[in-house]
Structures are given as structure tokens and as C-alpha cells.
Amino acid sequence: MATIHLTKGGFERRVADIASISGEWKFLGNRPAVIDFYATWCGPCKALLPVVEQLSEEYDGKIDIYKVNVDEEQELARLFEIRSIPTLIFIPMEGKPQRTMGAMPKEQLKSLLDQLIKK
């Protein structure tokens, strides 16, 4: 499965009610998820893109991987307080989302995804 590009509406259907982000977080997904906040002009985002796409295939059925273009979905970027890109938000089935900033090697991302599955 390829990564899924999220709009505000898709986010509210697949991830969480926007109103719950600042209050009590309630994840709506059926499996853990990762959201890649990126921009098309961002060099590190471009470098991370093939890695994210490969991991989306490798973890198909285990983790949902979403992408949010910060230029097109500024409200989502504001809600998650995205200050630099790429930023990855890791969403476990239970508990609050965690974030990492900047591009990272595939093996490091795989390790984080494996931890996410175990939670």
C-alpha cells in the first residue's frame, strides 16, 4: 500500500477529530500510524520520500503511513505545531503521539516503526 495523502477531512475520518488534538487524544485508526509532514520544495523531505514509500510497502497491513503537505494543509500543521520539516508523528493505538524531526536513515525509521507496532 502506498502512502496516503491526508487533507483535513481525511485526517478527521482516519486519524482523530481535530477538536481532540488539544484535549484528550482519541485515535480513530485500526492500526498504528505515522504522519509525514512535508513540503514539495524541502530538500530533506525529498530525500526521505523514497524511504517512506518503501516502508509503506514493507509495513503494509501493520502500520498506516500518511503524508500531509504543510503548504496545502496549514491548519493541520498548526495543530501539530510543526516548526520544521520533515516531521514524523508516530501514533500508537493507545497513548499520545510522539514526533521526530528531520530526515533519518531507513534502518532508524524501521526501528521506530517496530517499536510502534509493539506498543
PDB file of N, CA and C in Angstrom:
ATOM      1  N   MET A   1       0.845  -1.179   0.000  1.00  0.00           N
ATOM      2  CA  MET A   1       0.000   0.000   0.000  1.00  0.00           C
ATOM      3  C   MET A   1       0.887   1.238   0.000  1.00  0.00           C
ATOM      4  N   ALA A   2       0.587   2.152  -0.865  1.00  0.00           N
ATOM      5  CA  ALA A   2       1.339   3.408  -0.924  1.00  0.00           C
ATOM      6  C   ALA A   2       0.907   4.319   0.223  1.00  0.00           C
ATOM      7  N   THR A   3       1.718   5.332   0.463  1.00  0.00           N
ATOM      8  CA  THR A   3       1.339   6.312   1.477  1.00  0.00           C
ATOM      9  C   THR A   3       0.042   6.989   1.056  1.00  0.00           C
ATOM     10  N   ILE A   4      -0.691   7.470   2.032  1.00  0.00           N
ATOM     11  CA  ILE A   4      -1.980   8.117   1.788  1.00  0.00           C
ATOM     12  C   ILE A   4      -1.834   9.598   2.098  1.00  0.00           C
ATOM     13  N   HIS A   5      -2.147  10.443   1.122  1.00  0.00           N
ATOM     14  CA  HIS A   5      -2.099  11.888   1.339  1.00  0.00           C
ATOM     15  C   HIS A   5      -3.362  12.316   2.077  1.00  0.00           C
ATOM     16  N   LEU A   6      -3.174  13.002   3.187  1.00  0.00           N
ATOM     17  CA  LEU A   6      -4.296  13.429   4.017  1.00  0.00           C
ATOM     18  C   LEU A   6      -4.624  14.901   3.828  1.00  0.00           C
ATOM     19  N   THR A   7      -5.904  15.164   3.746  1.00  0.00           N
ATOM     20  CA  THR A   7      -6.438  16.515   3.854  1.00  0.00           C
ATOM     21  C   THR A   7      -7.055  16.622   5.248  1.00  0.00           C
ATOM     22  N   LYS A   8      -7.566  17.759   5.589  1.00  0.00           N
ATOM     23  CA  LYS A   8      -8.213  17.928   6.890  1.00  0.00           C
ATOM     24  C   LYS A   8      -9.361  16.932   7.047  1.00  0.00           C
ATOM     25  N   GLY A   9     -10.179  16.777   6.008  1.00  0.00           N
ATOM     26  CA  GLY A   9     -11.308  15.850   6.078  1.00  0.00           C
ATOM     27  C   GLY A   9     -10.850  14.411   6.238  1.00  0.00           C
ATOM     28  N   GLY A  10      -9.838  14.017   5.483  1.00  0.00           N
ATOM     29  CA  GLY A  10      -9.300  12.667   5.606  1.00  0.00           C
ATOM     30  C   GLY A  10      -8.699  12.424   6.977  1.00  0.00           C
ATOM     31  N   PHE A  11      -8.062  13.435   7.522  1.00  0.00           N
ATOM     32  CA  PHE A  11      -7.486  13.334   8.858  1.00  0.00           C
ATOM     33  C   PHE A  11      -8.594  13.054   9.866  1.00  0.00           C
ATOM     34  N   GLU A  12      -9.698  13.788   9.757  1.00  0.00           N
ATOM     35  CA  GLU A  12     -10.784  13.609  10.721  1.00  0.00           C
ATOM     36  C   GLU A  12     -11.471  12.257  10.580  1.00  0.00           C
ATOM     37  N   ARG A  13     -11.464  11.673   9.386  1.00  0.00           N
ATOM     38  CA  ARG A  13     -12.058  10.341   9.193  1.00  0.00           C
ATOM     39  C   ARG A  13     -11.124   9.215   9.627  1.00  0.00           C
ATOM     40  N   ARG A  14      -9.813   9.379   9.398  1.00  0.00           N
ATOM     41  CA  ARG A  14      -8.870   8.280   9.584  1.00  0.00           C
ATOM     42  C   ARG A  14      -8.026   8.354  10.865  1.00  0.00           C
ATOM     43  N   VAL A  15      -7.809   9.583  11.378  1.00  0.00           N
ATOM     44  CA  VAL A  15      -6.847   9.733  12.471  1.00  0.00           C
ATOM     45  C   VAL A  15      -7.518  10.205  13.760  1.00  0.00           C
ATOM     46  N   ALA A  16      -8.074  11.405  13.768  1.00  0.00           N
ATOM     47  CA  ALA A  16      -8.658  11.943  15.003  1.00  0.00           C
ATOM     48  C   ALA A  16      -9.535  13.143  14.684  1.00  0.00           C
ATOM     49  N   ASP A  17     -10.484  13.380  15.557  1.00  0.00           N
ATOM     50  CA  ASP A  17     -11.282  14.588  15.497  1.00  0.00           C
ATOM     51  C   ASP A  17     -10.355  15.752  15.839  1.00  0.00           C
ATOM     52  N   ILE A  18     -10.331  16.756  15.013  1.00  0.00           N
ATOM     53  CA  ILE A  18      -9.419  17.883  15.227  1.00  0.00           C
ATOM     54  C   ILE A  18      -9.617  18.511  16.604  1.00  0.00           C
ATOM     55  N   ALA A  19     -10.833  18.534  17.092  1.00  0.00           N
ATOM     56  CA  ALA A  19     -11.095  19.111  18.407  1.00  0.00           C
ATOM     57  C   ALA A  19     -10.392  18.320  19.517  1.00  0.00           C
ATOM     58  N   SER A  20     -10.107  17.033  19.293  1.00  0.00           N
ATOM     59  CA  SER A  20      -9.487  16.206  20.334  1.00  0.00           C
ATOM     60  C   SER A  20      -7.981  16.397  20.423  1.00  0.00           C
ATOM     61  N   ILE A  21      -7.382  17.063  19.463  1.00  0.00           N
ATOM     62  CA  ILE A  21      -5.930  17.196  19.457  1.00  0.00           C
ATOM     63  C   ILE A  21      -5.442  18.007  20.649  1.00  0.00           C
ATOM     64  N   SER A  22      -6.125  19.095  20.962  1.00  0.00           N
ATOM     65  CA  SER A  22      -5.669  19.926  22.077  1.00  0.00           C
ATOM     66  C   SER A  22      -6.195  19.421  23.420  1.00  0.00           C
ATOM     67  N   GLY A  23      -7.171  18.546  23.402  1.00  0.00           N
ATOM     68  CA  GLY A  23      -7.709  17.993  24.641  1.00  0.00           C
ATOM     69  C   GLY A  23      -7.267  16.555  24.820  1.00  0.00           C
ATOM     70  N   GLU A  24      -8.231  15.689  25.082  1.00  0.00           N
ATOM     71  CA  GLU A  24      -7.928  14.267  25.251  1.00  0.00           C
ATOM     72  C   GLU A  24      -7.830  13.613  23.879  1.00  0.00           C
ATOM     73  N   TRP A  25      -6.660  13.085  23.540  1.00  0.00           N
ATOM     74  CA  TRP A  25      -6.396  12.478  22.239  1.00  0.00           C
ATOM     75  C   TRP A  25      -7.169  11.173  22.108  1.00  0.00           C
ATOM     76  N   LYS A  26      -7.898  11.008  20.999  1.00  0.00           N
ATOM     77  CA  LYS A  26      -8.594   9.757  20.726  1.00  0.00           C
ATOM     78  C   LYS A  26      -8.309   9.372  19.278  1.00  0.00           C
ATOM     79  N   PHE A  27      -7.465   8.367  19.117  1.00  0.00           N
ATOM     80  CA  PHE A  27      -7.073   7.883  17.799  1.00  0.00           C
ATOM     81  C   PHE A  27      -8.198   7.058  17.190  1.00  0.00           C
ATOM     82  N   LEU A  28      -8.514   7.303  15.920  1.00  0.00           N
ATOM     83  CA  LEU A  28      -9.605   6.615  15.242  1.00  0.00           C
ATOM     84  C   LEU A  28      -9.160   5.439  14.371  1.00  0.00           C
ATOM     85  N   GLY A  29      -7.860   5.255  14.207  1.00  0.00           N
ATOM     86  CA  GLY A  29      -7.345   4.232  13.304  1.00  0.00           C
ATOM     87  C   GLY A  29      -7.508   2.813  13.813  1.00  0.00           C
ATOM     88  N   ASN A  30      -7.338   1.864  12.888  1.00  0.00           N
ATOM     89  CA  ASN A  30      -7.427   0.445  13.202  1.00  0.00           C
ATOM     90  C   ASN A  30      -6.070  -0.184  13.482  1.00  0.00           C
ATOM     91  N   ARG A  31      -5.008   0.535  13.169  1.00  0.00           N
ATOM     92  CA  ARG A  31      -3.632   0.080  13.430  1.00  0.00           C
ATOM     93  C   ARG A  31      -2.778   1.330  13.636  1.00  0.00           C
ATOM     94  N   PRO A  32      -1.590   1.164  14.215  1.00  0.00           N
ATOM     95  CA  PRO A  32      -0.733   2.334  14.437  1.00  0.00           C
ATOM     96  C   PRO A  32      -0.505   3.094  13.130  1.00  0.00           C
ATOM     97  N   ALA A  33      -0.120   4.356  13.264  1.00  0.00           N
ATOM     98  CA  ALA A  33       0.046   5.199  12.080  1.00  0.00           C
ATOM     99  C   ALA A  33       1.247   6.126  12.236  1.00  0.00           C
ATOM    100  N   VAL A  34       1.714   6.588  11.086  1.00  0.00           N
ATOM    101  CA  VAL A  34       2.761   7.597  11.024  1.00  0.00           C
ATOM    102  C   VAL A  34       2.276   8.677  10.069  1.00  0.00           C
ATOM    103  N   ILE A  35       2.466   9.926  10.455  1.00  0.00           N
ATOM    104  CA  ILE A  35       2.140  11.037   9.567  1.00  0.00           C
ATOM    105  C   ILE A  35       3.432  11.771   9.244  1.00  0.00           C
ATOM    106  N   ASP A  36       3.722  11.871   7.963  1.00  0.00           N
ATOM    107  CA  ASP A  36       4.899  12.577   7.466  1.00  0.00           C
ATOM    108  C   ASP A  36       4.454  13.975   7.038  1.00  0.00           C
ATOM    109  N   PHE A  37       4.839  14.990   7.807  1.00  0.00           N
ATOM    110  CA  PHE A  37       4.563  16.377   7.438  1.00  0.00           C
ATOM    111  C   PHE A  37       5.723  16.843   6.565  1.00  0.00           C
ATOM    112  N   TYR A  38       5.426  17.302   5.354  1.00  0.00           N
ATOM    113  CA  TYR A  38       6.464  17.617   4.370  1.00  0.00           C
ATOM    114  C   TYR A  38       6.038  18.801   3.500  1.00  0.00           C
ATOM    115  N   ALA A  39       6.962  19.234   2.645  1.00  0.00           N
ATOM    116  CA  ALA A  39       6.663  20.218   1.599  1.00  0.00           C
ATOM    117  C   ALA A  39       7.404  19.780   0.342  1.00  0.00           C
ATOM    118  N   THR A  40       6.844  20.093  -0.810  1.00  0.00           N
ATOM    119  CA  THR A  40       7.438  19.658  -2.078  1.00  0.00           C
ATOM    120  C   THR A  40       8.782  20.342  -2.347  1.00  0.00           C
ATOM    121  N   TRP A  41       9.008  21.515  -1.796  1.00  0.00           N
ATOM    122  CA  TRP A  41      10.240  22.270  -2.022  1.00  0.00           C
ATOM    123  C   TRP A  41      11.360  21.908  -1.045  1.00  0.00           C
ATOM    124  N   CYS A  42      11.085  21.081  -0.068  1.00  0.00           N
ATOM    125  CA  CYS A  42      12.009  20.767   1.032  1.00  0.00           C
ATOM    126  C   CYS A  42      12.984  19.659   0.627  1.00  0.00           C
ATOM    127  N   GLY A  43      14.274  19.972   0.617  1.00  0.00           N
ATOM    128  CA  GLY A  43      15.301  19.002   0.253  1.00  0.00           C
ATOM    129  C   GLY A  43      15.314  17.756   1.133  1.00  0.00           C
ATOM    130  N   PRO A  44      15.360  17.904   2.472  1.00  0.00           N
ATOM    131  CA  PRO A  44      15.335  16.717   3.330  1.00  0.00           C
ATOM    132  C   PRO A  44      14.044  15.895   3.158  1.00  0.00           C
ATOM    133  N   CYS A  45      12.925  16.570   2.868  1.00  0.00           N
ATOM    134  CA  CYS A  45      11.661  15.861   2.632  1.00  0.00           C
ATOM    135  C   CYS A  45      11.775  15.003   1.377  1.00  0.00           C
ATOM    136  N   LYS A  46      12.401  15.561   0.340  1.00  0.00           N
ATOM    137  CA  LYS A  46      12.601  14.812  -0.908  1.00  0.00           C
ATOM    138  C   LYS A  46      13.504  13.606  -0.675  1.00  0.00           C
ATOM    139  N   ALA A  47      14.509  13.771   0.159  1.00  0.00           N
ATOM    140  CA  ALA A  47      15.413  12.663   0.465  1.00  0.00           C
ATOM    141  C   ALA A  47      14.698  11.563   1.242  1.00  0.00           C
ATOM    142  N   LEU A  48      13.770  11.944   2.096  1.00  0.00           N
ATOM    143  CA  LEU A  48      13.032  10.985   2.915  1.00  0.00           C
ATOM    144  C   LEU A  48      11.927  10.276   2.134  1.00  0.00           C
ATOM    145  N   LEU A  49      11.433  10.895   1.086  1.00  0.00           N
ATOM    146  CA  LEU A  49      10.292  10.364   0.325  1.00  0.00           C
ATOM    147  C   LEU A  49      10.459   8.907  -0.099  1.00  0.00           C
ATOM    148  N   PRO A  50      11.535   8.507  -0.774  1.00  0.00           N
ATOM    149  CA  PRO A  50      11.630   7.099  -1.191  1.00  0.00           C
ATOM    150  C   PRO A  50      11.691   6.132  -0.008  1.00  0.00           C
ATOM    151  N   VAL A  51      12.289   6.560   1.091  1.00  0.00           N
ATOM    152  CA  VAL A  51      12.355   5.717   2.285  1.00  0.00           C
ATOM    153  C   VAL A  51      10.956   5.501   2.843  1.00  0.00           C
ATOM    154  N   VAL A  52      10.182   6.574   2.940  1.00  0.00           N
ATOM    155  CA  VAL A  52       8.812   6.472   3.457  1.00  0.00           C
ATOM    156  C   VAL A  52       7.970   5.588   2.542  1.00  0.00           C
ATOM    157  N   GLU A  53       8.130   5.737   1.241  1.00  0.00           N
ATOM    158  CA  GLU A  53       7.371   4.907   0.297  1.00  0.00           C
ATOM    159  C   GLU A  53       7.752   3.426   0.442  1.00  0.00           C
ATOM    160  N   GLN A  54       9.040   3.127   0.580  1.00  0.00           N
ATOM    161  CA  GLN A  54       9.484   1.742   0.761  1.00  0.00           C
ATOM    162  C   GLN A  54       8.918   1.155   2.049  1.00  0.00           C
ATOM    163  N   LEU A  55       8.968   1.930   3.120  1.00  0.00           N
ATOM    164  CA  LEU A  55       8.456   1.448   4.401  1.00  0.00           C
ATOM    165  C   LEU A  55       6.951   1.256   4.366  1.00  0.00           C
ATOM    166  N   SER A  56       6.270   2.074   3.607  1.00  0.00           N
ATOM    167  CA  SER A  56       4.829   1.916   3.448  1.00  0.00           C
ATOM    168  C   SER A  56       4.508   0.545   2.860  1.00  0.00           C
ATOM    169  N   GLU A  57       5.305   0.111   1.891  1.00  0.00           N
ATOM    170  CA  GLU A  57       5.128  -1.218   1.293  1.00  0.00           C
ATOM    171  C   GLU A  57       5.524  -2.319   2.282  1.00  0.00           C
ATOM    172  N   GLU A  58       6.648  -2.152   2.949  1.00  0.00           N
ATOM    173  CA  GLU A  58       7.145  -3.174   3.871  1.00  0.00           C
ATOM    174  C   GLU A  58       6.232  -3.378   5.076  1.00  0.00           C
ATOM    175  N   TYR A  59       5.586  -2.329   5.526  1.00  0.00           N
ATOM    176  CA  TYR A  59       4.744  -2.404   6.712  1.00  0.00           C
ATOM    177  C   TYR A  59       3.253  -2.405   6.366  1.00  0.00           C
ATOM    178  N   ASP A  60       2.932  -2.700   5.129  1.00  0.00           N
ATOM    179  CA  ASP A  60       1.542  -2.755   4.675  1.00  0.00           C
ATOM    180  C   ASP A  60       0.752  -3.721   5.555  1.00  0.00           C
ATOM    181  N   GLY A  61      -0.378  -3.255   6.061  1.00  0.00           N
ATOM    182  CA  GLY A  61      -1.217  -4.076   6.916  1.00  0.00           C
ATOM    183  C   GLY A  61      -0.839  -4.031   8.384  1.00  0.00           C
ATOM    184  N   LYS A  62       0.312  -3.424   8.707  1.00  0.00           N
ATOM    185  CA  LYS A  62       0.763  -3.322  10.098  1.00  0.00           C
ATOM    186  C   LYS A  62       0.695  -1.898  10.616  1.00  0.00           C
ATOM    187  N   ILE A  63       1.032  -0.945   9.733  1.00  0.00           N
ATOM    188  CA  ILE A  63       1.051   0.482  10.082  1.00  0.00           C
ATOM    189  C   ILE A  63       0.510   1.260   8.892  1.00  0.00           C
ATOM    190  N   ASP A  64      -0.315   2.262   9.155  1.00  0.00           N
ATOM    191  CA  ASP A  64      -0.764   3.169   8.101  1.00  0.00           C
ATOM    192  C   ASP A  64       0.205   4.348   8.057  1.00  0.00           C
ATOM    193  N   ILE A  65       0.667   4.679   6.854  1.00  0.00           N
ATOM    194  CA  ILE A  65       1.585   5.808   6.698  1.00  0.00           C
ATOM    195  C   ILE A  65       0.907   6.879   5.857  1.00  0.00           C
ATOM    196  N   TYR A  66       0.769   8.053   6.460  1.00  0.00           N
ATOM    197  CA  TYR A  66       0.102   9.183   5.834  1.00  0.00           C
ATOM    198  C   TYR A  66       1.112  10.287   5.544  1.00  0.00           C
ATOM    199  N   LYS A  67       0.761  11.145   4.599  1.00  0.00           N
ATOM    200  CA  LYS A  67       1.570  12.321   4.273  1.00  0.00           C
ATOM    201  C   LYS A  67       0.664  13.552   4.320  1.00  0.00           C
ATOM    202  N   VAL A  68       1.191  14.628   4.880  1.00  0.00           N
ATOM    203  CA  VAL A  68       0.469  15.903   4.932  1.00  0.00           C
ATOM    204  C   VAL A  68       1.395  16.973   4.381  1.00  0.00           C
ATOM    205  N   ASN A  69       0.971  17.616   3.315  1.00  0.00           N
ATOM    206  CA  ASN A  69       1.706  18.729   2.721  1.00  0.00           C
ATOM    207  C   ASN A  69       1.412  19.967   3.567  1.00  0.00           C
ATOM    208  N   VAL A  70       2.439  20.507   4.220  1.00  0.00           N
ATOM    209  CA  VAL A  70       2.233  21.626   5.148  1.00  0.00           C
ATOM    210  C   VAL A  70       1.794  22.900   4.439  1.00  0.00           C
ATOM    211  N   ASP A  71       2.109  23.044   3.152  1.00  0.00           N
ATOM    212  CA  ASP A  71       1.677  24.222   2.413  1.00  0.00           C
ATOM    213  C   ASP A  71       0.192  24.151   2.071  1.00  0.00           C
ATOM    214  N   GLU A  72      -0.311  22.947   1.832  1.00  0.00           N
ATOM    215  CA  GLU A  72      -1.718  22.777   1.466  1.00  0.00           C
ATOM    216  C   GLU A  72      -2.618  22.586   2.680  1.00  0.00           C
ATOM    217  N   GLU A  73      -2.068  22.054   3.762  1.00  0.00           N
ATOM    218  CA  GLU A  73      -2.853  21.763   4.968  1.00  0.00           C
ATOM    219  C   GLU A  73      -2.258  22.499   6.168  1.00  0.00           C
ATOM    220  N   GLN A  74      -2.296  23.831   6.086  1.00  0.00           N
ATOM    221  CA  GLN A  74      -1.683  24.653   7.120  1.00  0.00           C
ATOM    222  C   GLN A  74      -2.356  24.485   8.482  1.00  0.00           C
ATOM    223  N   GLU A  75      -3.660  24.234   8.486  1.00  0.00           N
ATOM    224  CA  GLU A  75      -4.348  24.056   9.765  1.00  0.00           C
ATOM    225  C   GLU A  75      -3.839  22.813  10.496  1.00  0.00           C
ATOM    226  N   LEU A  76      -3.652  21.718   9.773  1.00  0.00           N
ATOM    227  CA  LEU A  76      -3.113  20.504  10.401  1.00  0.00           C
ATOM    228  C   LEU A  76      -1.689  20.745  10.897  1.00  0.00           C
ATOM    229  N   ALA A  77      -0.893  21.434  10.099  1.00  0.00           N
ATOM    230  CA  ALA A  77       0.478  21.750  10.522  1.00  0.00           C
ATOM    231  C   ALA A  77       0.469  22.596  11.795  1.00  0.00           C
ATOM    232  N   ARG A  78      -0.437  23.566  11.878  1.00  0.00           N
ATOM    233  CA  ARG A  78      -0.550  24.404  13.085  1.00  0.00           C
ATOM    234  C   ARG A  78      -0.982  23.573  14.285  1.00  0.00           C
ATOM    235  N   LEU A  79      -1.972  22.701  14.083  1.00  0.00           N
ATOM    236  CA  LEU A  79      -2.481  21.893  15.191  1.00  0.00           C
ATOM    237  C   LEU A  79      -1.405  21.004  15.795  1.00  0.00           C
ATOM    238  N   PHE A  80      -0.513  20.494  14.952  1.00  0.00           N
ATOM    239  CA  PHE A  80       0.571  19.645  15.442  1.00  0.00           C
ATOM    240  C   PHE A  80       1.838  20.443  15.750  1.00  0.00           C
ATOM    241  N   GLU A  81       1.739  21.757  15.657  1.00  0.00           N
ATOM    242  CA  GLU A  81       2.849  22.658  15.962  1.00  0.00           C
ATOM    243  C   GLU A  81       4.110  22.281  15.187  1.00  0.00           C
ATOM    244  N   ILE A  82       3.926  22.070  13.885  1.00  0.00           N
ATOM    245  CA  ILE A  82       5.037  21.723  13.011  1.00  0.00           C
ATOM    246  C   ILE A  82       5.863  22.988  12.777  1.00  0.00           C
ATOM    247  N   ARG A  83       7.119  22.963  13.211  1.00  0.00           N
ATOM    248  CA  ARG A  83       8.009  24.109  13.091  1.00  0.00           C
ATOM    249  C   ARG A  83       9.132  23.858  12.089  1.00  0.00           C
ATOM    250  N   SER A  84       9.434  22.587  11.831  1.00  0.00           N
ATOM    251  CA  SER A  84      10.434  22.250  10.825  1.00  0.00           C
ATOM    252  C   SER A  84       9.988  20.971  10.123  1.00  0.00           C
ATOM    253  N   ILE A  85      10.456  20.827   8.898  1.00  0.00           N
ATOM    254  CA  ILE A  85      10.072  19.657   8.124  1.00  0.00           C
ATOM    255  C   ILE A  85      11.327  19.005   7.554  1.00  0.00           C
ATOM    256  N   PRO A  86      11.282  17.712   7.357  1.00  0.00           N
ATOM    257  CA  PRO A  86      10.165  16.823   7.647  1.00  0.00           C
ATOM    258  C   PRO A  86      10.013  16.591   9.151  1.00  0.00           C
ATOM    259  N   THR A  87       8.769  16.413   9.557  1.00  0.00           N
ATOM    260  CA  THR A  87       8.433  15.987  10.910  1.00  0.00           C
ATOM    261  C   THR A  87       7.565  14.751  10.778  1.00  0.00           C
ATOM    262  N   LEU A  88       7.914  13.715  11.512  1.00  0.00           N
ATOM    263  CA  LEU A  88       7.124  12.491  11.529  1.00  0.00           C
ATOM    264  C   LEU A  88       6.425  12.375  12.867  1.00  0.00           C
ATOM    265  N   ILE A  89       5.125  12.117  12.819  1.00  0.00           N
ATOM    266  CA  ILE A  89       4.330  11.899  14.023  1.00  0.00           C
ATOM    267  C   ILE A  89       4.007  10.411  14.076  1.00  0.00           C
ATOM    268  N   PHE A  90       4.390   9.753  15.159  1.00  0.00           N
ATOM    269  CA  PHE A  90       4.148   8.326  15.352  1.00  0.00           C
ATOM    270  C   PHE A  90       2.956   8.165  16.290  1.00  0.00           C
ATOM    271  N   ILE A  91       1.918   7.479  15.823  1.00  0.00           N
ATOM    272  CA  ILE A  91       0.668   7.368  16.578  1.00  0.00           C
ATOM    273  C   ILE A  91       0.434   5.910  16.978  1.00  0.00           C
ATOM    274  N   PRO A  92       0.592   5.607  18.271  1.00  0.00           N
ATOM    275  CA  PRO A  92       0.309   4.250  18.739  1.00  0.00           C
ATOM    276  C   PRO A  92      -1.201   4.037  18.859  1.00  0.00           C
ATOM    277  N   MET A  93      -1.604   2.805  19.024  1.00  0.00           N
ATOM    278  CA  MET A  93      -3.030   2.526  19.191  1.00  0.00           C
ATOM    279  C   MET A  93      -3.553   3.179  20.463  1.00  0.00           C
ATOM    280  N   GLU A  94      -2.749   3.199  21.495  1.00  0.00           N
ATOM    281  CA  GLU A  94      -3.139   3.846  22.746  1.00  0.00           C
ATOM    282  C   GLU A  94      -2.011   4.771  23.185  1.00  0.00           C
ATOM    283  N   GLY A  95      -2.384   5.882  23.753  1.00  0.00           N
ATOM    284  CA  GLY A  95      -1.386   6.840  24.211  1.00  0.00           C
ATOM    285  C   GLY A  95      -1.244   7.994  23.231  1.00  0.00           C
ATOM    286  N   LYS A  96      -0.421   8.927  23.617  1.00  0.00           N
ATOM    287  CA  LYS A  96      -0.231  10.148  22.829  1.00  0.00           C
ATOM    288  C   LYS A  96       0.773   9.934  21.703  1.00  0.00           C
ATOM    289  N   PRO A  97       0.593  10.677  20.611  1.00  0.00           N
ATOM    290  CA  PRO A  97       1.552  10.630  19.513  1.00  0.00           C
ATOM    291  C   PRO A  97       2.916  11.176  19.942  1.00  0.00           C
ATOM    292  N   GLN A  98       3.955  10.666  19.290  1.00  0.00           N
ATOM    293  CA  GLN A  98       5.327  11.121  19.507  1.00  0.00           C
ATOM    294  C   GLN A  98       5.850  11.669  18.185  1.00  0.00           C
ATOM    295  N   ARG A  99       6.875  12.513  18.230  1.00  0.00           N
ATOM    296  CA  ARG A  99       7.386  13.115  16.999  1.00  0.00           C
ATOM    297  C   ARG A  99       8.894  13.001  16.889  1.00  0.00           C
ATOM    298  N   THR A 100       9.337  12.996  15.630  1.00  0.00           N
ATOM    299  CA  THR A 100      10.750  13.144  15.318  1.00  0.00           C
ATOM    300  C   THR A 100      10.840  14.203  14.233  1.00  0.00           C
ATOM    301  N   MET A 101      11.957  14.903  14.191  1.00  0.00           N
ATOM    302  CA  MET A 101      12.146  15.932  13.170  1.00  0.00           C
ATOM    303  C   MET A 101      13.398  15.633  12.370  1.00  0.00           C
ATOM    304  N   GLY A 102      13.322  15.924  11.093  1.00  0.00           N
ATOM    305  CA  GLY A 102      14.470  15.741  10.214  1.00  0.00           C
ATOM    306  C   GLY A 102      14.456  14.383   9.543  1.00  0.00           C
ATOM    307  N   ALA A 103      15.202  14.307   8.458  1.00  0.00           N
ATOM    308  CA  ALA A 103      15.332  13.043   7.739  1.00  0.00           C
ATOM    309  C   ALA A 103      16.213  12.111   8.553  1.00  0.00           C
ATOM    310  N   MET A 104      15.965  10.813   8.401  1.00  0.00           N
ATOM    311  CA  MET A 104      16.784   9.823   9.096  1.00  0.00           C
ATOM    312  C   MET A 104      16.941   8.593   8.220  1.00  0.00           C
ATOM    313  N   PRO A 105      17.954   7.781   8.498  1.00  0.00           N
ATOM    314  CA  PRO A 105      18.176   6.589   7.692  1.00  0.00           C
ATOM    315  C   PRO A 105      17.026   5.581   7.826  1.00  0.00           C
ATOM    316  N   LYS A 106      16.884   4.760   6.810  1.00  0.00           N
ATOM    317  CA  LYS A 106      15.817   3.765   6.773  1.00  0.00           C
ATOM    318  C   LYS A 106      15.860   2.838   7.986  1.00  0.00           C
ATOM    319  N   GLU A 107      17.033   2.379   8.363  1.00  0.00           N
ATOM    320  CA  GLU A 107      17.136   1.441   9.488  1.00  0.00           C
ATOM    321  C   GLU A 107      16.667   2.070  10.794  1.00  0.00           C
ATOM    322  N   GLN A 108      16.940   3.336  10.980  1.00  0.00           N
ATOM    323  CA  GLN A 108      16.480   4.031  12.187  1.00  0.00           C
ATOM    324  C   GLN A 108      14.959   4.155  12.174  1.00  0.00           C
ATOM    325  N   LEU A 109      14.399   4.475  11.017  1.00  0.00           N
ATOM    326  CA  LEU A 109      12.939   4.552  10.906  1.00  0.00           C
ATOM    327  C   LEU A 109      12.302   3.188  11.134  1.00  0.00           C
ATOM    328  N   LYS A 110      12.901   2.136  10.587  1.00  0.00           N
ATOM    329  CA  LYS A 110      12.373   0.786  10.789  1.00  0.00           C
ATOM    330  C   LYS A 110      12.333   0.442  12.272  1.00  0.00           C
ATOM    331  N   SER A 111      13.365   0.819  12.986  1.00  0.00           N
ATOM    332  CA  SER A 111      13.413   0.563  14.420  1.00  0.00           C
ATOM    333  C   SER A 111      12.259   1.273  15.137  1.00  0.00           C
ATOM    334  N   LEU A 112      12.007   2.512  14.761  1.00  0.00           N
ATOM    335  CA  LEU A 112      10.897   3.266  15.365  1.00  0.00           C
ATOM    336  C   LEU A 112       9.543   2.641  15.012  1.00  0.00           C
ATOM    337  N   LEU A 113       9.400   2.173  13.780  1.00  0.00           N
ATOM    338  CA  LEU A 113       8.146   1.526  13.371  1.00  0.00           C
ATOM    339  C   LEU A 113       7.948   0.217  14.121  1.00  0.00           C
ATOM    340  N   ASP A 114       9.011  -0.546  14.298  1.00  0.00           N
ATOM    341  CA  ASP A 114       8.908  -1.791  15.050  1.00  0.00           C
ATOM    342  C   ASP A 114       8.475  -1.529  16.487  1.00  0.00           C
ATOM    343  N   GLN A 115       9.014  -0.481  17.100  1.00  0.00           N
ATOM    344  CA  GLN A 115       8.607  -0.109  18.452  1.00  0.00           C
ATOM    345  C   GLN A 115       7.138   0.290  18.491  1.00  0.00           C
ATOM    346  N   LEU A 116       6.694   1.000  17.456  1.00  0.00           N
ATOM    347  CA  LEU A 116       5.297   1.452  17.381  1.00  0.00           C
ATOM    348  C   LEU A 116       4.346   0.253  17.328  1.00  0.00           C
ATOM    349  N   ILE A 117       4.727  -0.760  16.584  1.00  0.00           N
ATOM    350  CA  ILE A 117       3.886  -1.954  16.467  1.00  0.00           C
ATOM    351  C   ILE A 117       3.759  -2.666  17.812  1.00  0.00           C
ATOM    352  N   LYS A 118       4.817  -2.658  18.589  1.00  0.00           N
ATOM    353  CA  LYS A 118       4.827  -3.372  19.885  1.00  0.00           C
ATOM    354  C   LYS A 118       4.007  -2.681  20.954  1.00  0.00           C
ATOM    355  N   LYS A 119       3.748  -1.391  20.787  1.00  0.00           N
ATOM    356  CA  LYS A 119       3.011  -0.633  21.824  1.00  0.00           C
ATOM    357  C   LYS A 119       1.559  -1.040  21.870  1.00  0.00           C
TER     358      LYS A 119
END
